[in-house]
Amino acid sequence: MANKAQFSILPYQRRPGFWRAAISRKDGAVLTMNGITLKSVVTSADFPSEEEAYTDAEKVIRMI
Protein backbone atom coordinates (compact mmCIF):
# COMPACT_ATOMS: atom_id res chain seq x y z
CA MET A 1 0.00 0.00 0.00
CA ALA A 2 1.36 3.40 -0.99
CA ASN A 3 1.67 6.35 1.36
CA LYS A 4 -1.05 8.86 0.41
CA ALA A 5 1.23 11.76 1.37
CA GLN A 6 3.51 10.92 -1.57
CA PHE A 7 0.77 11.61 -4.12
CA SER A 8 -0.96 14.60 -5.59
CA ILE A 9 -4.69 14.34 -6.29
CA LEU A 10 -6.21 16.86 -8.68
CA PRO A 11 -9.99 16.60 -9.05
CA TYR A 12 -11.39 18.14 -12.21
CA GLN A 13 -14.77 18.53 -13.82
CA ARG A 14 -14.94 17.01 -17.31
CA ARG A 15 -18.30 18.67 -17.84
CA PRO A 16 -20.94 19.90 -15.40
CA GLY A 17 -21.67 17.15 -12.88
CA PHE A 18 -18.97 14.77 -14.15
CA TRP A 19 -15.91 14.72 -11.89
CA ARG A 20 -12.71 12.68 -12.10
CA ALA A 21 -9.35 12.96 -10.38
CA ALA A 22 -5.80 12.80 -11.71
CA ILE A 23 -3.21 11.12 -9.50
CA SER A 24 0.55 11.64 -9.74
CA ARG A 25 3.55 11.31 -7.47
CA LYS A 26 4.66 14.54 -5.81
CA ASP A 27 8.32 13.75 -6.48
CA GLY A 28 7.65 13.29 -10.22
CA ALA A 29 8.56 9.60 -10.19
CA VAL A 30 6.58 7.27 -12.43
CA LEU A 31 3.79 4.99 -11.26
CA THR A 32 3.89 1.29 -12.06
CA MET A 33 0.55 -0.47 -12.17
CA ASN A 34 0.11 -3.99 -13.54
CA GLY A 35 3.56 -3.78 -15.12
CA ILE A 36 2.77 -0.54 -16.96
CA THR A 37 4.78 2.61 -16.27
CA LEU A 38 2.72 5.80 -16.10
CA LYS A 39 3.41 9.45 -15.31
CA SER A 40 -0.10 9.85 -13.87
CA VAL A 41 -3.40 8.03 -13.71
CA VAL A 42 -7.00 9.25 -13.83
CA THR A 43 -9.94 7.69 -12.01
CA SER A 44 -11.93 5.62 -14.47
CA ALA A 45 -15.44 6.62 -13.45
CA ASP A 46 -17.30 9.92 -13.40
CA PHE A 47 -18.61 11.12 -10.05
CA PRO A 48 -21.30 13.69 -9.27
CA SER A 49 -19.03 15.66 -6.93
CA GLU A 50 -15.42 16.71 -6.48
CA GLU A 51 -15.34 15.04 -3.07
CA GLU A 52 -16.41 11.66 -4.45
CA ALA A 53 -13.76 11.83 -7.18
CA TYR A 54 -11.14 12.66 -4.55
CA THR A 55 -12.27 9.75 -2.36
CA ASP A 56 -12.05 7.37 -5.30
CA ALA A 57 -8.52 8.63 -6.04
CA GLU A 58 -7.55 7.82 -2.45
CA LYS A 59 -8.83 4.26 -3.01
CA VAL A 60 -6.70 3.99 -6.15
CA ILE A 61 -3.62 5.11 -4.22
CA ARG A 62 -4.21 2.35 -1.67
CA MET A 63 -4.03 -0.18 -4.54
CA ILE A 64 -0.68 1.11 -5.81
C-alpha atoms as a PDB file:
ATOM      1  CA  MET A   1       0.000   0.000   0.000  1.00  0.00           C
ATOM      2  CA  ALA A   2       1.355   3.399  -0.995  1.00  0.00           C
ATOM      3  CA  ASN A   3       1.666   6.353   1.358  1.00  0.00           C
ATOM      4  CA  LYS A   4      -1.049   8.861   0.407  1.00  0.00           C
ATOM      5  CA  ALA A   5       1.233  11.763   1.375  1.00  0.00           C
ATOM      6  CA  GLN A   6       3.509  10.917  -1.574  1.00  0.00           C
ATOM      7  CA  PHE A   7       0.770  11.612  -4.117  1.00  0.00           C
ATOM      8  CA  SER A   8      -0.957  14.604  -5.592  1.00  0.00           C
ATOM      9  CA  ILE A   9      -4.691  14.340  -6.287  1.00  0.00           C
ATOM     10  CA  LEU A  10      -6.205  16.856  -8.677  1.00  0.00           C
ATOM     11  CA  PRO A  11      -9.993  16.601  -9.046  1.00  0.00           C
ATOM     12  CA  TYR A  12     -11.387  18.141 -12.209  1.00  0.00           C
ATOM     13  CA  GLN A  13     -14.775  18.534 -13.818  1.00  0.00           C
ATOM     14  CA  ARG A  14     -14.937  17.007 -17.307  1.00  0.00           C
ATOM     15  CA  ARG A  15     -18.295  18.675 -17.839  1.00  0.00           C
ATOM     16  CA  PRO A  16     -20.937  19.896 -15.402  1.00  0.00           C
ATOM     17  CA  GLY A  17     -21.673  17.152 -12.884  1.00  0.00           C
ATOM     18  CA  PHE A  18     -18.970  14.766 -14.153  1.00  0.00           C
ATOM     19  CA  TRP A  19     -15.910  14.715 -11.895  1.00  0.00           C
ATOM     20  CA  ARG A  20     -12.711  12.679 -12.097  1.00  0.00           C
ATOM     21  CA  ALA A  21      -9.350  12.958 -10.375  1.00  0.00           C
ATOM     22  CA  ALA A  22      -5.805  12.801 -11.709  1.00  0.00           C
ATOM     23  CA  ILE A  23      -3.205  11.120  -9.502  1.00  0.00           C
ATOM     24  CA  SER A  24       0.549  11.642  -9.737  1.00  0.00           C
ATOM     25  CA  ARG A  25       3.550  11.310  -7.468  1.00  0.00           C
ATOM     26  CA  LYS A  26       4.655  14.541  -5.806  1.00  0.00           C
ATOM     27  CA  ASP A  27       8.315  13.747  -6.484  1.00  0.00           C
ATOM     28  CA  GLY A  28       7.651  13.289 -10.216  1.00  0.00           C
ATOM     29  CA  ALA A  29       8.560   9.598 -10.191  1.00  0.00           C
ATOM     30  CA  VAL A  30       6.583   7.273 -12.430  1.00  0.00           C
ATOM     31  CA  LEU A  31       3.788   4.991 -11.263  1.00  0.00           C
ATOM     32  CA  THR A  32       3.893   1.294 -12.055  1.00  0.00           C
ATOM     33  CA  MET A  33       0.554  -0.472 -12.175  1.00  0.00           C
ATOM     34  CA  ASN A  34       0.106  -3.986 -13.544  1.00  0.00           C
ATOM     35  CA  GLY A  35       3.558  -3.783 -15.125  1.00  0.00           C
ATOM     36  CA  ILE A  36       2.768  -0.542 -16.964  1.00  0.00           C
ATOM     37  CA  THR A  37       4.780   2.607 -16.265  1.00  0.00           C
ATOM     38  CA  LEU A  38       2.724   5.801 -16.096  1.00  0.00           C
ATOM     39  CA  LYS A  39       3.413   9.449 -15.308  1.00  0.00           C
ATOM     40  CA  SER A  40      -0.095   9.852 -13.874  1.00  0.00           C
ATOM     41  CA  VAL A  41      -3.397   8.033 -13.713  1.00  0.00           C
ATOM     42  CA  VAL A  42      -7.004   9.249 -13.826  1.00  0.00           C
ATOM     43  CA  THR A  43      -9.937   7.694 -12.014  1.00  0.00           C
ATOM     44  CA  SER A  44     -11.933   5.616 -14.472  1.00  0.00           C
ATOM     45  CA  ALA A  45     -15.442   6.625 -13.446  1.00  0.00           C
ATOM     46  CA  ASP A  46     -17.298   9.916 -13.401  1.00  0.00           C
ATOM     47  CA  PHE A  47     -18.613  11.122 -10.049  1.00  0.00           C
ATOM     48  CA  PRO A  48     -21.302  13.692  -9.273  1.00  0.00           C
ATOM     49  CA  SER A  49     -19.032  15.663  -6.927  1.00  0.00           C
ATOM     50  CA  GLU A  50     -15.424  16.711  -6.481  1.00  0.00           C
ATOM     51  CA  GLU A  51     -15.341  15.037  -3.067  1.00  0.00           C
ATOM     52  CA  GLU A  52     -16.407  11.665  -4.454  1.00  0.00           C
ATOM     53  CA  ALA A  53     -13.762  11.834  -7.184  1.00  0.00           C
ATOM     54  CA  TYR A  54     -11.139  12.664  -4.547  1.00  0.00           C
ATOM     55  CA  THR A  55     -12.267   9.754  -2.362  1.00  0.00           C
ATOM     56  CA  ASP A  56     -12.046   7.372  -5.304  1.00  0.00           C
ATOM     57  CA  ALA A  57      -8.524   8.625  -6.038  1.00  0.00           C
ATOM     58  CA  GLU A  58      -7.552   7.817  -2.452  1.00  0.00           C
ATOM     59  CA  LYS A  59      -8.827   4.264  -3.007  1.00  0.00           C
ATOM     60  CA  VAL A  60      -6.703   3.986  -6.152  1.00  0.00           C
ATOM     61  CA  ILE A  61      -3.623   5.107  -4.222  1.00  0.00           C
ATOM     62  CA  ARG A  62      -4.213   2.355  -1.670  1.00  0.00           C
ATOM     63  CA  MET A  63      -4.030  -0.179  -4.535  1.00  0.00           C
ATOM     64  CA  ILE A  64      -0.678   1.111  -5.811  1.00  0.00           C
END
